[in-house]
Amino acid sequence: MTTRNTPETEADHTDKAKLKLIEATLGSLMEDGIEGCSVRRISDRAGVSTGLINYHFSSMHHLVADAYSHLASSFLDKAIDATAVHEGDPRRQVSVFLQEIFASGVMQQQVLRAWVVFWGLIDSAPPIKAAHAVSNNSFCRFLESLFEELDVQQAVSPSPRLAAIGLNAMIDGLWLEWCLQPDEFSRQDCIRVCEKWVDAVWSAT
């Protein structure tokens, strides 16, 4: 029996072209930081003409915003997927989530170079600010849903929403400190600190 290849649609081709530029942008930012935020460097890295960036993205800020969303969702989606096998056991899901968020693939100093660019452009670039808001809210909403499930079993104080915001802030702070001083503590230390904090919040009455 012969199988026919489904012809690539124009939308498929566009999606592939945009993904190639997004990946080139992330590679450029991770390698060169703010200096990598250049149409010329990104187009050279992607092996395309500079005109294709303008064709697929209405501005450089929109390309960087999509790169931000792509990087953030890749970390978050992987962490959420890993917790699915433990559905019904929210405390175990939190632990698995922390293991994934502090995994070696995430804890990389080169990733920090890209985040510094994103953070530095948030106030001046509305598309990047919007991308940050969406990714940050998605992160907090997932953690909040786990704290809400824990709240059924034991009283959580502060509220599930505030607990999610607090854990999110702790994760960000530990990740940033590790990137700046990787010899001072390990990713396992980061996980232990967060686990202790979750236990304290979970058992609070």
C-alpha atoms as a PDB file:
ATOM      1  CA  MET A   1       0.000   0.000   0.000  1.00  0.00           C
ATOM      2  CA  THR A   2       1.419   3.336  -1.062  1.00  0.00           C
ATOM      3  CA  THR A   3       1.246   6.324   1.260  1.00  0.00           C
ATOM      4  CA  ARG A   4       1.090   9.784  -0.174  1.00  0.00           C
ATOM      5  CA  ASN A   5       2.842  12.652   1.482  1.00  0.00           C
ATOM      6  CA  THR A   6       0.442  15.399   2.434  1.00  0.00           C
ATOM      7  CA  PRO A   7       1.448  18.549   0.548  1.00  0.00           C
ATOM      8  CA  GLU A   8       2.804  21.314   2.746  1.00  0.00           C
ATOM      9  CA  THR A   9       0.343  24.159   2.958  1.00  0.00           C
ATOM     10  CA  GLU A  10       1.324  27.810   2.846  1.00  0.00           C
ATOM     11  CA  ALA A  11       0.444  28.055   6.546  1.00  0.00           C
ATOM     12  CA  ASP A  12       2.783  25.126   7.339  1.00  0.00           C
ATOM     13  CA  HIS A  13       5.572  26.797   5.387  1.00  0.00           C
ATOM     14  CA  THR A  14       4.986  30.083   7.208  1.00  0.00           C
ATOM     15  CA  ASP A  15       5.005  28.380  10.608  1.00  0.00           C
ATOM     16  CA  LYS A  16       8.290  26.630   9.829  1.00  0.00           C
ATOM     17  CA  ALA A  17       9.872  29.856   8.615  1.00  0.00           C
ATOM     18  CA  LYS A  18       8.760  31.729  11.744  1.00  0.00           C
ATOM     19  CA  LEU A  19       9.987  28.945  14.033  1.00  0.00           C
ATOM     20  CA  LYS A  20      13.367  29.016  12.297  1.00  0.00           C
ATOM     21  CA  LEU A  21      13.647  32.741  12.979  1.00  0.00           C
ATOM     22  CA  ILE A  22      12.478  32.342  16.578  1.00  0.00           C
ATOM     23  CA  GLU A  23      15.084  29.642  17.228  1.00  0.00           C
ATOM     24  CA  ALA A  24      17.758  31.770  15.572  1.00  0.00           C
ATOM     25  CA  THR A  25      16.751  34.690  17.800  1.00  0.00           C
ATOM     26  CA  LEU A  26      17.038  32.587  20.950  1.00  0.00           C
ATOM     27  CA  GLY A  27      20.420  31.247  19.852  1.00  0.00           C
ATOM     28  CA  SER A  28      21.654  34.752  19.112  1.00  0.00           C
ATOM     29  CA  LEU A  29      20.456  36.146  22.454  1.00  0.00           C
ATOM     30  CA  MET A  30      21.875  33.206  24.430  1.00  0.00           C
ATOM     31  CA  GLU A  31      25.226  33.587  22.733  1.00  0.00           C
ATOM     32  CA  ASP A  32      25.590  37.367  22.609  1.00  0.00           C
ATOM     33  CA  GLY A  33      22.991  38.843  24.960  1.00  0.00           C
ATOM     34  CA  ILE A  34      21.702  42.272  23.946  1.00  0.00           C
ATOM     35  CA  GLU A  35      24.243  42.439  21.111  1.00  0.00           C
ATOM     36  CA  GLY A  36      22.533  39.397  19.616  1.00  0.00           C
ATOM     37  CA  CYS A  37      19.290  41.369  19.310  1.00  0.00           C
ATOM     38  CA  SER A  38      20.172  42.380  15.780  1.00  0.00           C
ATOM     39  CA  VAL A  39      18.295  41.773  12.532  1.00  0.00           C
ATOM     40  CA  ARG A  40      21.572  41.069  10.742  1.00  0.00           C
ATOM     41  CA  ARG A  41      22.863  38.571  13.309  1.00  0.00           C
ATOM     42  CA  ILE A  42      19.565  36.746  13.540  1.00  0.00           C
ATOM     43  CA  SER A  43      19.067  36.537   9.777  1.00  0.00           C
ATOM     44  CA  ASP A  44      22.663  35.314   9.314  1.00  0.00           C
ATOM     45  CA  ARG A  45      22.134  32.678  11.985  1.00  0.00           C
ATOM     46  CA  ALA A  46      18.892  31.530  10.349  1.00  0.00           C
ATOM     47  CA  GLY A  47      20.491  31.606   6.911  1.00  0.00           C
ATOM     48  CA  VAL A  48      17.830  33.874   5.432  1.00  0.00           C
ATOM     49  CA  SER A  49      17.618  37.404   4.108  1.00  0.00           C
ATOM     50  CA  THR A  50      16.870  40.222   6.546  1.00  0.00           C
ATOM     51  CA  GLY A  51      13.705  40.964   4.574  1.00  0.00           C
ATOM     52  CA  LEU A  52      12.149  37.713   5.788  1.00  0.00           C
ATOM     53  CA  ILE A  53      12.113  39.007   9.362  1.00  0.00           C
ATOM     54  CA  ASN A  54      10.048  42.003   8.290  1.00  0.00           C
ATOM     55  CA  TYR A  55       7.871  39.732   6.173  1.00  0.00           C
ATOM     56  CA  HIS A  56       6.981  37.352   9.024  1.00  0.00           C
ATOM     57  CA  PHE A  57       7.037  39.788  11.963  1.00  0.00           C
ATOM     58  CA  SER A  58       5.608  43.288  12.121  1.00  0.00           C
ATOM     59  CA  SER A  59       8.609  44.462  14.162  1.00  0.00           C
ATOM     60  CA  MET A  60      11.764  43.220  15.819  1.00  0.00           C
ATOM     61  CA  HIS A  61      10.000  43.480  19.167  1.00  0.00           C
ATOM     62  CA  HIS A  62       7.317  41.080  17.940  1.00  0.00           C
ATOM     63  CA  LEU A  63       9.989  38.559  16.951  1.00  0.00           C
ATOM     64  CA  VAL A  64      11.679  38.870  20.353  1.00  0.00           C
ATOM     65  CA  ALA A  65       8.290  38.578  22.075  1.00  0.00           C
ATOM     66  CA  ASP A  66       7.566  35.346  20.194  1.00  0.00           C
ATOM     67  CA  ALA A  67      11.023  34.077  21.154  1.00  0.00           C
ATOM     68  CA  TYR A  68      10.231  34.878  24.797  1.00  0.00           C
ATOM     69  CA  SER A  69       6.920  33.007  24.599  1.00  0.00           C
ATOM     70  CA  HIS A  70       8.541  30.050  22.854  1.00  0.00           C
ATOM     71  CA  LEU A  71      11.281  29.692  25.468  1.00  0.00           C
ATOM     72  CA  ALA A  72       8.947  30.155  28.448  1.00  0.00           C
ATOM     73  CA  SER A  73       6.318  27.734  27.141  1.00  0.00           C
ATOM     74  CA  SER A  74       8.933  25.097  26.315  1.00  0.00           C
ATOM     75  CA  PHE A  75      10.024  25.042  29.971  1.00  0.00           C
ATOM     76  CA  LEU A  76       6.504  25.281  31.392  1.00  0.00           C
ATOM     77  CA  ASP A  77       4.904  22.732  29.058  1.00  0.00           C
ATOM     78  CA  LYS A  78       7.600  20.160  29.778  1.00  0.00           C
ATOM     79  CA  ALA A  79       7.215  20.650  33.527  1.00  0.00           C
ATOM     80  CA  ILE A  80       3.415  20.416  33.389  1.00  0.00           C
ATOM     81  CA  ASP A  81       3.529  17.309  31.184  1.00  0.00           C
ATOM     82  CA  ALA A  82       5.845  15.613  33.673  1.00  0.00           C
ATOM     83  CA  THR A  83       3.339  16.147  36.483  1.00  0.00           C
ATOM     84  CA  ALA A  84       0.431  14.564  34.600  1.00  0.00           C
ATOM     85  CA  VAL A  85       1.304  11.020  35.665  1.00  0.00           C
ATOM     86  CA  HIS A  86       0.769  12.070  39.302  1.00  0.00           C
ATOM     87  CA  GLU A  87      -2.650  13.637  38.759  1.00  0.00           C
ATOM     88  CA  GLY A  88      -4.664  13.414  41.964  1.00  0.00           C
ATOM     89  CA  ASP A  89      -1.561  13.810  44.137  1.00  0.00           C
ATOM     90  CA  PRO A  90      -0.956  17.586  44.072  1.00  0.00           C
ATOM     91  CA  ARG A  91       1.914  17.522  46.570  1.00  0.00           C
ATOM     92  CA  ARG A  92       3.792  15.028  44.390  1.00  0.00           C
ATOM     93  CA  GLN A  93       2.981  17.129  41.330  1.00  0.00           C
ATOM     94  CA  VAL A  94       4.587  20.155  42.982  1.00  0.00           C
ATOM     95  CA  SER A  95       7.754  18.137  43.618  1.00  0.00           C
ATOM     96  CA  VAL A  96       7.916  16.881  40.029  1.00  0.00           C
ATOM     97  CA  PHE A  97       7.293  20.416  38.767  1.00  0.00           C
ATOM     98  CA  LEU A  98      10.209  21.720  40.825  1.00  0.00           C
ATOM     99  CA  GLN A  99      12.483  18.951  39.549  1.00  0.00           C
ATOM    100  CA  GLU A 100      11.693  19.952  35.970  1.00  0.00           C
ATOM    101  CA  ILE A 101      11.932  23.710  36.508  1.00  0.00           C
ATOM    102  CA  PHE A 102      15.373  23.312  38.100  1.00  0.00           C
ATOM    103  CA  ALA A 103      16.530  20.707  35.557  1.00  0.00           C
ATOM    104  CA  SER A 104      19.979  21.065  34.017  1.00  0.00           C
ATOM    105  CA  GLY A 105      18.454  22.091  30.683  1.00  0.00           C
ATOM    106  CA  VAL A 106      16.848  25.113  32.338  1.00  0.00           C
ATOM    107  CA  MET A 107      19.649  25.979  34.763  1.00  0.00           C
ATOM    108  CA  GLN A 108      22.041  27.373  32.187  1.00  0.00           C
ATOM    109  CA  GLN A 109      23.863  30.677  32.311  1.00  0.00           C
ATOM    110  CA  GLN A 110      23.375  31.145  28.584  1.00  0.00           C
ATOM    111  CA  VAL A 111      19.602  31.088  29.131  1.00  0.00           C
ATOM    112  CA  LEU A 112      20.065  34.003  31.540  1.00  0.00           C
ATOM    113  CA  ARG A 113      21.573  36.077  28.716  1.00  0.00           C
ATOM    114  CA  ALA A 114      18.310  35.755  26.799  1.00  0.00           C
ATOM    115  CA  TRP A 115      16.151  36.511  29.853  1.00  0.00           C
ATOM    116  CA  VAL A 116      18.185  39.652  30.633  1.00  0.00           C
ATOM    117  CA  VAL A 117      17.349  40.951  27.150  1.00  0.00           C
ATOM    118  CA  PHE A 118      13.673  40.108  27.595  1.00  0.00           C
ATOM    119  CA  TRP A 119      13.496  41.758  31.020  1.00  0.00           C
ATOM    120  CA  GLY A 120      15.399  44.809  29.822  1.00  0.00           C
ATOM    121  CA  LEU A 121      12.931  45.422  26.988  1.00  0.00           C
ATOM    122  CA  ILE A 122       9.688  44.861  28.923  1.00  0.00           C
ATOM    123  CA  ASP A 123       9.094  48.534  29.798  1.00  0.00           C
ATOM    124  CA  SER A 124       9.824  49.842  26.305  1.00  0.00           C
ATOM    125  CA  ALA A 125       8.308  47.088  24.148  1.00  0.00           C
ATOM    126  CA  PRO A 126       4.571  46.361  24.607  1.00  0.00           C
ATOM    127  CA  PRO A 127       4.699  43.012  22.706  1.00  0.00           C
ATOM    128  CA  ILE A 128       7.401  41.723  25.051  1.00  0.00           C
ATOM    129  CA  LYS A 129       5.545  43.019  28.095  1.00  0.00           C
ATOM    130  CA  ALA A 130       2.427  41.177  26.899  1.00  0.00           C
ATOM    131  CA  ALA A 131       4.401  37.982  26.306  1.00  0.00           C
ATOM    132  CA  HIS A 132       5.809  38.209  29.820  1.00  0.00           C
ATOM    133  CA  ALA A 133       2.349  38.717  31.317  1.00  0.00           C
ATOM    134  CA  VAL A 134       0.934  35.692  29.496  1.00  0.00           C
ATOM    135  CA  SER A 135       3.814  33.360  30.402  1.00  0.00           C
ATOM    136  CA  ASN A 136       3.969  34.537  34.003  1.00  0.00           C
ATOM    137  CA  ASN A 137       0.207  34.157  34.448  1.00  0.00           C
ATOM    138  CA  SER A 138       0.296  30.654  32.935  1.00  0.00           C
ATOM    139  CA  PHE A 139       3.053  29.688  35.355  1.00  0.00           C
ATOM    140  CA  CYS A 140       1.177  31.061  38.358  1.00  0.00           C
ATOM    141  CA  ARG A 141      -2.183  29.637  37.271  1.00  0.00           C
ATOM    142  CA  PHE A 142      -0.766  26.110  37.166  1.00  0.00           C
ATOM    143  CA  LEU A 143       0.837  26.433  40.593  1.00  0.00           C
ATOM    144  CA  GLU A 144      -2.352  27.999  41.930  1.00  0.00           C
ATOM    145  CA  SER A 145      -4.373  25.014  40.699  1.00  0.00           C
ATOM    146  CA  LEU A 146      -2.077  22.671  42.645  1.00  0.00           C
ATOM    147  CA  PHE A 147      -2.328  24.785  45.800  1.00  0.00           C
ATOM    148  CA  GLU A 148      -6.112  24.829  45.423  1.00  0.00           C
ATOM    149  CA  GLU A 149      -6.091  21.009  45.424  1.00  0.00           C
ATOM    150  CA  LEU A 150      -3.857  20.994  48.486  1.00  0.00           C
ATOM    151  CA  ASP A 151      -6.299  23.416  50.112  1.00  0.00           C
ATOM    152  CA  VAL A 152      -8.992  20.717  49.938  1.00  0.00           C
ATOM    153  CA  GLN A 153      -6.846  18.552  52.188  1.00  0.00           C
ATOM    154  CA  GLN A 154      -5.323  21.142  54.498  1.00  0.00           C
ATOM    155  CA  ALA A 155      -5.807  24.856  55.013  1.00  0.00           C
ATOM    156  CA  VAL A 156      -3.374  26.829  52.906  1.00  0.00           C
ATOM    157  CA  SER A 157      -2.345  30.221  54.184  1.00  0.00           C
ATOM    158  CA  PRO A 158      -1.813  32.508  52.341  1.00  0.00           C
ATOM    159  CA  SER A 159      -4.410  31.954  49.600  1.00  0.00           C
ATOM    160  CA  PRO A 160      -3.601  29.543  46.751  1.00  0.00           C
ATOM    161  CA  ARG A 161      -3.059  32.535  44.442  1.00  0.00           C
ATOM    162  CA  LEU A 162      -0.595  34.223  46.789  1.00  0.00           C
ATOM    163  CA  ALA A 163       1.126  30.907  47.478  1.00  0.00           C
ATOM    164  CA  ALA A 164       1.591  30.445  43.719  1.00  0.00           C
ATOM    165  CA  ILE A 165       2.985  33.972  43.325  1.00  0.00           C
ATOM    166  CA  GLY A 166       5.334  33.382  46.263  1.00  0.00           C
ATOM    167  CA  LEU A 167       6.660  30.101  44.901  1.00  0.00           C
ATOM    168  CA  ASN A 168       7.045  31.596  41.439  1.00  0.00           C
ATOM    169  CA  ALA A 169       9.085  34.472  42.904  1.00  0.00           C
ATOM    170  CA  MET A 170      11.233  32.058  44.888  1.00  0.00           C
ATOM    171  CA  ILE A 171      11.924  29.959  41.777  1.00  0.00           C
ATOM    172  CA  ASP A 172      12.880  33.059  39.778  1.00  0.00           C
ATOM    173  CA  GLY A 173      15.121  34.367  42.552  1.00  0.00           C
ATOM    174  CA  LEU A 174      16.946  31.082  43.109  1.00  0.00           C
ATOM    175  CA  TRP A 175      17.388  30.566  39.381  1.00  0.00           C
ATOM    176  CA  LEU A 176      18.817  34.059  38.955  1.00  0.00           C
ATOM    177  CA  GLU A 177      21.170  33.717  41.933  1.00  0.00           C
ATOM    178  CA  TRP A 178      22.395  30.338  40.677  1.00  0.00           C
ATOM    179  CA  CYS A 179      23.095  31.743  37.193  1.00  0.00           C
ATOM    180  CA  LEU A 180      25.121  34.552  38.752  1.00  0.00           C
ATOM    181  CA  GLN A 181      26.921  32.341  41.316  1.00  0.00           C
ATOM    182  CA  PRO A 182      26.713  28.696  40.186  1.00  0.00           C
ATOM    183  CA  ASP A 183      29.508  27.606  42.535  1.00  0.00           C
ATOM    184  CA  GLU A 184      27.701  28.821  45.648  1.00  0.00           C
ATOM    185  CA  PHE A 185      24.888  26.249  45.635  1.00  0.00           C
ATOM    186  CA  SER A 186      23.407  23.510  43.455  1.00  0.00           C
ATOM    187  CA  ARG A 187      20.106  23.017  41.676  1.00  0.00           C
ATOM    188  CA  GLN A 188      19.307  20.365  44.286  1.00  0.00           C
ATOM    189  CA  ASP A 189      19.746  23.060  46.933  1.00  0.00           C
ATOM    190  CA  CYS A 190      17.200  25.174  45.019  1.00  0.00           C
ATOM    191  CA  ILE A 191      14.736  22.287  45.008  1.00  0.00           C
ATOM    192  CA  ARG A 192      15.222  21.655  48.746  1.00  0.00           C
ATOM    193  CA  VAL A 193      14.601  25.312  49.614  1.00  0.00           C
ATOM    194  CA  CYS A 194      11.377  25.343  47.586  1.00  0.00           C
ATOM    195  CA  GLU A 195      10.223  22.001  48.989  1.00  0.00           C
ATOM    196  CA  LYS A 196      10.688  23.263  52.550  1.00  0.00           C
ATOM    197  CA  TRP A 197       8.744  26.406  51.709  1.00  0.00           C
ATOM    198  CA  VAL A 198       5.891  24.414  50.150  1.00  0.00           C
ATOM    199  CA  ASP A 199       5.745  22.109  53.181  1.00  0.00           C
ATOM    200  CA  ALA A 200       5.566  25.121  55.485  1.00  0.00           C
ATOM    201  CA  VAL A 201       2.766  26.729  53.483  1.00  0.00           C
ATOM    202  CA  TRP A 202       0.883  23.466  52.999  1.00  0.00           C
ATOM    203  CA  SER A 203       0.835  22.677  56.708  1.00  0.00           C
ATOM    204  CA  ALA A 204      -0.016  26.240  57.769  1.00  0.00           C
ATOM    205  CA  THR A 205      -3.294  26.644  59.610  1.00  0.00           C
END
